[in-house]
Amino acid sequence: MNYAWPLVALGLSVLLCFVLTPLARQFGWVDRPDSRKQHEGEIPLSGGWAIVLAVAAVMLWRGGWSGPITVLGWSSLIVFLTGLVDDRRHIKVPLRFALQALALLCMIWYGDVLLYNFGKLFWDRLLGLGPLAIPITVFSALGVINAFNMIDGMDGLSGGLALIALGGMAFLAGRGGFVEEHAILLIISAAVLGFLLLNFRFPWRQRALVFLGDSGTSWLGFVMAWFFILLSQDFQVDGNFRAYAPITAIWLFGLPLMDTTYVMIRRAIVREPIFGADQRHLHHRFLRSGFTVVQTWLAMIGAAVAMALIGITGELLRWSEWWMFYGYVGLAGCYLVWMNRSRKTRRFLGREIQ
């Protein structure tokens, strides 16, 4: 692979963030502070635009835009445009889900990206999905898209979590000999890094210059779901040719899944809209306990990196898939209990929750 392409994607992403910011302001694609959002001033939602355009430009430039990648481009465009409209006019949840599901059906029918099995979760045989493969694929991918969208609530967080998942997949794809997938994942990762340079809080800049918006988070969620599925399934009918086990993908995306599961359970218990907005997420718990944005970012990114390393280590050392599955379920269970206990006691990591 020519590793100059990711550098081009990084540079383009940074450049486009600056170029598109005035347009975002002019046409009203900005995030305004309110009772739930604590940032200062109107922040342009041009980060997602920059990432998508940078990746598309590099892919066209290098001549890799053909076959399944074309399907990835057009199907992810449906998700991106849906998020773009949602950023401006707030699409109702059922319609947003329907459009995302349409993109996922394109992924399945035209891209042949489908969850055929969950791996060896309970015994030493593949847990095949049979006729349930299509609905479970759509449900699982919708979960990834919206889990990533829901956790986007703090400067640098979504970009950092995306880099961890994309980087982990890129490493395992390269190790497994998936050259083209390895290259694409590195290009997307570099574009995300370019955005993150303008979204993260540095000592010399105490606020984000751009946000991803629903268009950016939804697009990244879709792309991650595509590769989570594609690289975790057998590429041969009678072989075992894959980059990693399905449970490894769960570990790469472990923190957003845990966080979203907790929030949705709490909303269901108190009979609030499942996909509404609130301050029950893990980063809210940190911030309301007096931790700074940077401290919160370091803690959450550190936890996400640790989980990703467990998944990668398990893949490299060929740990049993069922032990990896039970390990994640146990960790997720501890997380849910811990979050619920801190809610009841109004204390989090030794601090009072405000």
Protein backbone atom coordinates (compact mmCIF):
# COMPACT_ATOMS: atom_id res chain seq x y z
CA MET A 1 0.00 0.00 0.00
CA ASN A 2 1.05 3.59 -0.67
CA TYR A 3 0.96 5.19 2.79
CA ALA A 4 0.99 8.66 1.25
CA TRP A 5 -2.78 8.39 0.67
CA PRO A 6 -3.70 8.59 4.38
CA LEU A 7 -1.51 11.69 4.68
CA VAL A 8 -3.34 13.25 1.76
CA ALA A 9 -6.68 12.40 3.43
CA LEU A 10 -5.51 13.99 6.69
CA GLY A 11 -4.42 17.20 4.97
CA LEU A 12 -7.61 17.40 2.91
CA SER A 13 -9.76 16.87 5.97
CA VAL A 14 -8.10 19.76 7.82
CA LEU A 15 -8.27 22.02 4.78
CA LEU A 16 -11.93 21.21 4.10
CA CYS A 17 -12.88 21.87 7.72
CA PHE A 18 -11.62 25.43 7.28
CA VAL A 19 -13.08 25.88 3.79
CA LEU A 20 -16.54 24.53 4.65
CA THR A 21 -16.93 26.31 7.99
CA PRO A 22 -18.09 29.65 6.48
CA LEU A 23 -20.61 27.77 4.31
CA ALA A 24 -21.97 25.92 7.33
CA ARG A 25 -22.43 29.20 9.17
CA GLN A 26 -24.02 30.90 6.17
CA PHE A 27 -26.63 28.18 5.64
CA GLY A 28 -27.35 27.58 9.32
CA TRP A 29 -25.70 24.19 9.79
CA VAL A 30 -24.48 25.06 13.28
CA ASP A 31 -24.90 23.59 16.75
CA ARG A 32 -26.35 26.10 19.19
CA PRO A 33 -25.91 25.80 22.98
CA ASP A 34 -28.97 24.98 25.07
CA SER A 35 -29.82 23.40 28.44
CA ARG A 36 -28.26 20.11 27.33
CA LYS A 37 -25.34 21.45 25.31
CA GLN A 38 -22.76 23.44 27.23
CA HIS A 39 -20.42 24.63 24.47
CA GLU A 40 -19.88 28.32 23.84
CA GLY A 41 -21.31 29.98 20.74
CA GLU A 42 -22.52 28.46 17.49
CA ILE A 43 -20.19 25.66 16.29
CA PRO A 44 -20.28 24.75 12.56
CA LEU A 45 -21.33 21.17 11.79
CA SER A 46 -18.84 20.92 8.95
CA GLY A 47 -16.61 18.18 10.36
CA GLY A 48 -18.65 15.37 8.85
CA TRP A 49 -18.72 17.11 5.47
CA ALA A 50 -14.93 17.45 5.52
CA ILE A 51 -14.34 13.79 6.40
CA VAL A 52 -16.72 12.46 3.74
CA LEU A 53 -15.39 14.72 0.99
CA ALA A 54 -11.76 14.03 1.91
CA VAL A 55 -12.29 10.26 1.82
CA ALA A 56 -14.26 10.43 -1.45
CA ALA A 57 -11.61 12.62 -3.11
CA VAL A 58 -8.72 10.36 -2.09
CA MET A 59 -10.58 7.22 -3.17
CA LEU A 60 -11.31 8.75 -6.60
CA TRP A 61 -7.74 10.02 -6.91
CA ARG A 62 -6.16 6.65 -6.15
CA GLY A 63 -8.55 4.85 -8.51
CA GLY A 64 -10.03 2.50 -5.92
CA TRP A 65 -13.66 3.50 -6.42
CA SER A 66 -15.15 0.35 -7.99
CA GLY A 67 -17.08 -2.80 -7.15
CA PRO A 68 -18.26 -3.08 -3.53
CA ILE A 69 -16.59 0.24 -2.69
CA THR A 70 -19.04 1.94 -5.05
CA VAL A 71 -21.87 0.38 -3.05
CA LEU A 72 -20.26 1.60 0.16
CA GLY A 73 -20.08 5.10 -1.29
CA TRP A 74 -23.68 5.35 -2.48
CA SER A 75 -25.28 3.56 0.47
CA SER A 76 -23.32 5.62 3.00
CA LEU A 77 -24.36 8.75 1.09
CA ILE A 78 -28.00 7.97 1.96
CA VAL A 79 -27.08 7.92 5.64
CA PHE A 80 -24.99 11.07 5.33
CA LEU A 81 -27.73 13.07 3.58
CA THR A 82 -30.28 11.88 6.13
CA GLY A 83 -28.05 13.16 8.91
CA LEU A 84 -27.45 16.38 6.99
CA VAL A 85 -31.17 17.13 6.86
CA ASP A 86 -31.54 16.04 10.49
CA ASP A 87 -28.88 18.57 11.52
CA ARG A 88 -30.99 21.33 9.98
CA ARG A 89 -34.61 20.29 10.45
CA HIS A 90 -34.63 17.32 12.89
CA ILE A 91 -36.11 14.32 11.08
CA LYS A 92 -38.50 12.18 13.13
CA VAL A 93 -36.94 8.99 14.47
CA PRO A 94 -39.08 6.49 12.46
CA LEU A 95 -38.21 8.21 9.17
CA ARG A 96 -34.53 8.45 10.08
CA PHE A 97 -34.46 4.74 10.93
CA ALA A 98 -36.28 3.87 7.70
CA LEU A 99 -33.72 5.72 5.58
CA GLN A 100 -30.83 4.16 7.48
CA ALA A 101 -32.42 0.72 7.03
CA LEU A 102 -32.73 1.41 3.29
CA ALA A 103 -29.00 2.12 3.12
CA LEU A 104 -28.30 -1.08 5.04
CA LEU A 105 -30.44 -3.12 2.66
CA CYS A 106 -28.37 -1.70 -0.21
CA MET A 107 -25.29 -2.78 1.74
CA ILE A 108 -26.68 -6.31 2.02
CA TRP A 109 -28.17 -6.77 -1.46
CA TYR A 110 -25.61 -4.97 -3.60
CA GLY A 111 -22.50 -5.08 -1.42
CA ASP A 112 -23.00 -8.64 -0.12
CA VAL A 113 -22.11 -7.45 3.39
CA LEU A 114 -24.15 -9.70 5.66
CA LEU A 115 -23.91 -11.26 9.10
CA TYR A 116 -24.04 -14.96 8.30
CA ASN A 117 -22.97 -16.00 11.80
CA PHE A 118 -21.99 -14.70 15.24
CA GLY A 119 -18.94 -16.94 15.48
CA LYS A 120 -18.46 -19.58 18.17
CA LEU A 121 -20.14 -17.80 21.07
CA PHE A 122 -21.52 -20.72 23.07
CA TRP A 123 -19.81 -23.84 21.79
CA ASP A 124 -17.18 -24.98 19.31
CA ARG A 125 -19.51 -24.49 16.34
CA LEU A 126 -20.52 -21.42 14.38
CA LEU A 127 -23.75 -19.80 15.54
CA GLY A 128 -25.33 -19.42 12.12
CA LEU A 129 -28.18 -16.99 11.56
CA GLY A 130 -29.89 -18.70 8.62
CA PRO A 131 -33.09 -16.92 7.50
CA LEU A 132 -32.64 -14.35 10.28
CA ALA A 133 -29.40 -13.07 8.76
CA ILE A 134 -30.90 -10.04 7.00
CA PRO A 135 -33.08 -8.69 9.86
CA ILE A 136 -30.32 -9.29 12.43
CA THR A 137 -27.77 -7.56 10.18
CA VAL A 138 -30.03 -4.52 9.82
CA PHE A 139 -30.79 -4.45 13.56
CA SER A 140 -27.12 -4.81 14.55
CA ALA A 141 -25.90 -2.17 12.11
CA LEU A 142 -28.64 0.25 13.19
CA GLY A 143 -27.38 -0.30 16.72
CA VAL A 144 -23.83 0.65 15.76
CA ILE A 145 -24.93 3.73 13.80
CA ASN A 146 -27.13 5.10 16.55
CA ALA A 147 -24.86 4.10 19.44
CA PHE A 148 -22.11 6.14 17.85
CA ASN A 149 -24.49 9.01 17.17
CA MET A 150 -25.75 9.03 20.77
CA ILE A 151 -22.32 9.12 22.37
CA ASP A 152 -21.29 12.23 20.41
CA GLY A 153 -21.71 14.78 23.19
CA MET A 154 -18.27 16.13 24.06
CA ASP A 155 -15.32 17.70 22.23
CA GLY A 156 -12.97 15.06 20.86
CA LEU A 157 -14.95 12.05 22.10
CA SER A 158 -16.61 10.75 18.94
CA GLY A 159 -13.47 11.32 16.86
CA GLY A 160 -11.32 9.52 19.40
CA LEU A 161 -13.66 6.53 19.68
CA ALA A 162 -13.91 6.28 15.89
CA LEU A 163 -10.12 6.28 15.58
CA ILE A 164 -9.83 3.42 18.05
CA ALA A 165 -12.36 1.23 16.23
CA LEU A 166 -11.12 2.11 12.73
CA GLY A 167 -7.48 1.74 13.73
CA GLY A 168 -8.11 -1.64 15.33
CA MET A 169 -9.89 -2.89 12.22
CA ALA A 170 -7.14 -1.49 9.97
CA PHE A 171 -4.47 -3.34 11.96
CA LEU A 172 -6.33 -6.66 11.89
CA ALA A 173 -7.25 -6.25 8.21
CA GLY A 174 -3.60 -5.62 7.31
CA ARG A 175 -2.47 -8.58 9.39
CA GLY A 176 -5.05 -10.81 7.70
CA GLY A 177 -4.02 -9.85 4.18
CA PHE A 178 -7.06 -7.70 3.34
CA VAL A 179 -5.01 -5.13 1.46
CA GLU A 180 -7.78 -2.96 0.01
CA GLU A 181 -9.82 -2.90 3.23
CA HIS A 182 -6.65 -2.05 5.17
CA ALA A 183 -5.97 0.87 2.84
CA ILE A 184 -9.53 2.24 3.00
CA LEU A 185 -9.66 2.03 6.79
CA LEU A 186 -6.36 3.90 7.07
CA ILE A 187 -7.62 6.62 4.72
CA ILE A 188 -10.82 7.04 6.74
CA SER A 189 -8.85 7.03 10.00
CA ALA A 190 -6.56 9.76 8.69
CA ALA A 191 -9.54 11.90 7.65
CA VAL A 192 -11.03 11.47 11.13
CA LEU A 193 -7.70 12.47 12.66
CA GLY A 194 -7.71 15.64 10.57
CA PHE A 195 -11.14 16.52 11.95
CA LEU A 196 -10.04 15.65 15.49
CA LEU A 197 -7.19 18.15 15.30
CA LEU A 198 -9.84 20.88 15.05
CA ASN A 199 -12.38 19.29 17.38
CA PHE A 200 -10.18 18.43 20.38
CA ARG A 201 -9.41 20.90 23.16
CA PHE A 202 -5.70 21.71 23.28
CA PRO A 203 -3.94 23.95 25.87
CA TRP A 204 -3.73 26.71 23.27
CA ARG A 205 -7.38 26.26 22.20
CA GLN A 206 -10.06 25.64 24.80
CA ARG A 207 -12.99 25.01 22.44
CA ALA A 208 -13.77 22.95 19.37
CA LEU A 209 -13.74 24.74 16.02
CA VAL A 210 -16.02 22.23 14.26
CA PHE A 211 -18.44 19.44 15.17
CA LEU A 212 -19.30 16.25 13.29
CA GLY A 213 -23.05 16.73 13.39
CA ASP A 214 -25.52 13.88 12.89
CA SER A 215 -24.37 13.66 9.27
CA GLY A 216 -20.80 12.87 10.33
CA THR A 217 -21.59 10.54 13.22
CA SER A 218 -24.18 8.62 11.20
CA TRP A 219 -21.82 8.25 8.24
CA LEU A 220 -18.97 7.04 10.45
CA GLY A 221 -21.32 4.67 12.27
CA PHE A 222 -22.45 3.21 8.95
CA VAL A 223 -18.89 2.80 7.69
CA MET A 224 -17.82 1.13 10.93
CA ALA A 225 -20.82 -1.22 10.79
CA TRP A 226 -19.93 -2.10 7.17
CA PHE A 227 -16.38 -3.13 8.06
CA PHE A 228 -17.30 -4.71 11.40
CA ILE A 229 -19.52 -7.10 9.45
CA LEU A 230 -17.45 -7.48 6.28
CA LEU A 231 -14.20 -8.40 8.01
CA SER A 232 -15.74 -10.68 10.64
CA GLN A 233 -17.43 -13.09 8.23
CA ASP A 234 -15.95 -16.02 6.33
CA PHE A 235 -14.92 -15.09 2.78
CA GLN A 236 -14.94 -18.74 1.68
CA VAL A 237 -17.86 -21.15 1.92
CA ASP A 238 -15.77 -23.97 3.36
CA GLY A 239 -12.91 -21.96 4.83
CA ASN A 240 -12.18 -19.68 7.74
CA PHE A 241 -10.85 -16.67 5.90
CA ARG A 242 -11.67 -13.58 7.95
CA ALA A 243 -9.79 -10.72 9.58
CA TYR A 244 -11.22 -11.29 13.06
CA ALA A 245 -14.03 -13.01 14.95
CA PRO A 246 -17.39 -11.20 15.35
CA ILE A 247 -16.83 -10.89 19.12
CA THR A 248 -13.59 -9.00 18.44
CA ALA A 249 -15.62 -6.31 16.66
CA ILE A 250 -17.70 -5.97 19.84
CA TRP A 251 -14.56 -5.30 21.89
CA LEU A 252 -13.37 -2.70 19.36
CA PHE A 253 -16.66 -0.84 19.80
CA GLY A 254 -17.19 -1.87 23.40
CA LEU A 255 -17.58 1.43 25.24
CA PRO A 256 -20.24 3.05 22.99
CA LEU A 257 -22.28 -0.17 23.11
CA MET A 258 -22.14 -0.34 26.91
CA ASP A 259 -22.98 3.32 27.29
CA THR A 260 -25.91 3.22 24.87
CA THR A 261 -27.29 0.03 26.45
CA TYR A 262 -27.33 1.64 29.89
CA VAL A 263 -28.94 4.85 28.65
CA MET A 264 -31.65 3.02 26.71
CA ILE A 265 -32.48 0.76 29.65
CA ARG A 266 -32.83 3.78 31.95
CA ARG A 267 -35.03 5.59 29.45
CA ALA A 268 -37.24 2.53 29.09
CA ILE A 269 -37.57 2.16 32.88
CA VAL A 270 -38.68 5.77 33.37
CA ARG A 271 -40.82 5.61 30.21
CA GLU A 272 -38.97 8.26 28.26
CA PRO A 273 -38.37 8.18 24.48
CA ILE A 274 -35.66 5.59 23.82
CA PHE A 275 -33.89 7.78 21.28
CA GLY A 276 -34.46 11.10 23.01
CA ALA A 277 -31.78 13.35 24.48
CA ASP A 278 -30.72 13.47 28.12
CA GLN A 279 -27.66 13.64 30.36
CA ARG A 280 -27.38 9.99 31.38
CA HIS A 281 -24.33 9.14 29.26
CA LEU A 282 -20.98 8.29 30.83
CA HIS A 283 -19.36 11.56 29.75
CA HIS A 284 -22.21 13.48 31.40
CA ARG A 285 -21.58 11.55 34.62
CA PHE A 286 -17.92 12.59 34.53
CA LEU A 287 -18.66 16.24 33.76
CA ARG A 288 -21.43 16.54 36.36
CA SER A 289 -19.02 15.14 38.96
CA GLY A 290 -16.57 17.99 38.41
CA PHE A 291 -14.11 16.37 36.00
CA THR A 292 -12.85 18.56 33.17
CA VAL A 293 -13.49 17.83 29.51
CA VAL A 294 -9.88 16.73 29.01
CA GLN A 295 -9.95 14.47 32.11
CA THR A 296 -13.20 12.92 30.92
CA TRP A 297 -11.77 12.41 27.43
CA LEU A 298 -8.63 10.74 28.78
CA ALA A 299 -10.63 8.41 31.02
CA MET A 300 -13.08 7.34 28.33
CA ILE A 301 -10.52 7.01 25.55
CA GLY A 302 -8.29 5.06 27.94
CA ALA A 303 -11.14 2.66 28.71
CA ALA A 304 -11.97 2.28 25.01
CA VAL A 305 -8.30 1.61 24.14
CA ALA A 306 -8.08 -1.00 26.90
CA MET A 307 -11.15 -2.82 25.56
CA ALA A 308 -9.86 -2.66 21.99
CA LEU A 309 -6.51 -4.08 23.11
CA ILE A 310 -8.28 -6.95 24.86
CA GLY A 311 -10.13 -7.73 21.64
CA ILE A 312 -6.99 -7.52 19.50
CA THR A 313 -4.94 -9.56 21.98
CA GLY A 314 -7.64 -12.22 22.07
CA GLU A 315 -7.59 -12.35 18.29
CA LEU A 316 -3.79 -12.58 18.07
CA LEU A 317 -3.52 -15.24 20.79
CA ARG A 318 -6.60 -17.10 19.52
CA TRP A 319 -8.48 -16.98 22.79
CA SER A 320 -11.74 -18.93 22.74
CA GLU A 321 -14.53 -16.85 21.29
CA TRP A 322 -16.98 -17.92 23.97
CA TRP A 323 -14.62 -16.72 26.70
CA MET A 324 -14.25 -13.41 24.91
CA PHE A 325 -18.05 -13.21 24.71
CA TYR A 326 -18.62 -14.07 28.38
CA GLY A 327 -15.85 -11.66 29.34
CA TYR A 328 -17.54 -8.80 27.52
CA VAL A 329 -20.98 -9.67 28.91
CA GLY A 330 -19.49 -9.76 32.43
CA LEU A 331 -17.73 -6.43 31.95
CA ALA A 332 -20.89 -4.85 30.51
CA GLY A 333 -22.90 -6.20 33.44
CA CYS A 334 -20.45 -4.66 35.93
CA TYR A 335 -20.67 -1.37 34.04
CA LEU A 336 -24.47 -1.32 34.20
CA VAL A 337 -24.46 -2.09 37.93
CA TRP A 338 -21.79 0.55 38.61
CA MET A 339 -23.63 3.25 36.64
CA ASN A 340 -26.93 2.43 38.34
CA ARG A 341 -25.33 2.46 41.78
CA SER A 342 -23.69 5.83 41.17
CA ARG A 343 -27.08 7.17 40.05
CA LYS A 344 -28.72 6.04 43.29
CA THR A 345 -25.94 7.22 45.62
CA ARG A 346 -25.37 10.43 43.65
CA ARG A 347 -21.64 9.77 43.82
CA PHE A 348 -19.27 8.98 40.97
CA LEU A 349 -15.61 8.02 41.45
CA GLY A 350 -15.67 9.51 44.94
CA ARG A 351 -17.28 12.78 43.87
CA GLU A 352 -20.78 14.10 44.31
CA ILE A 353 -22.87 14.28 41.15
CA GLN A 354 -24.31 17.74 40.57
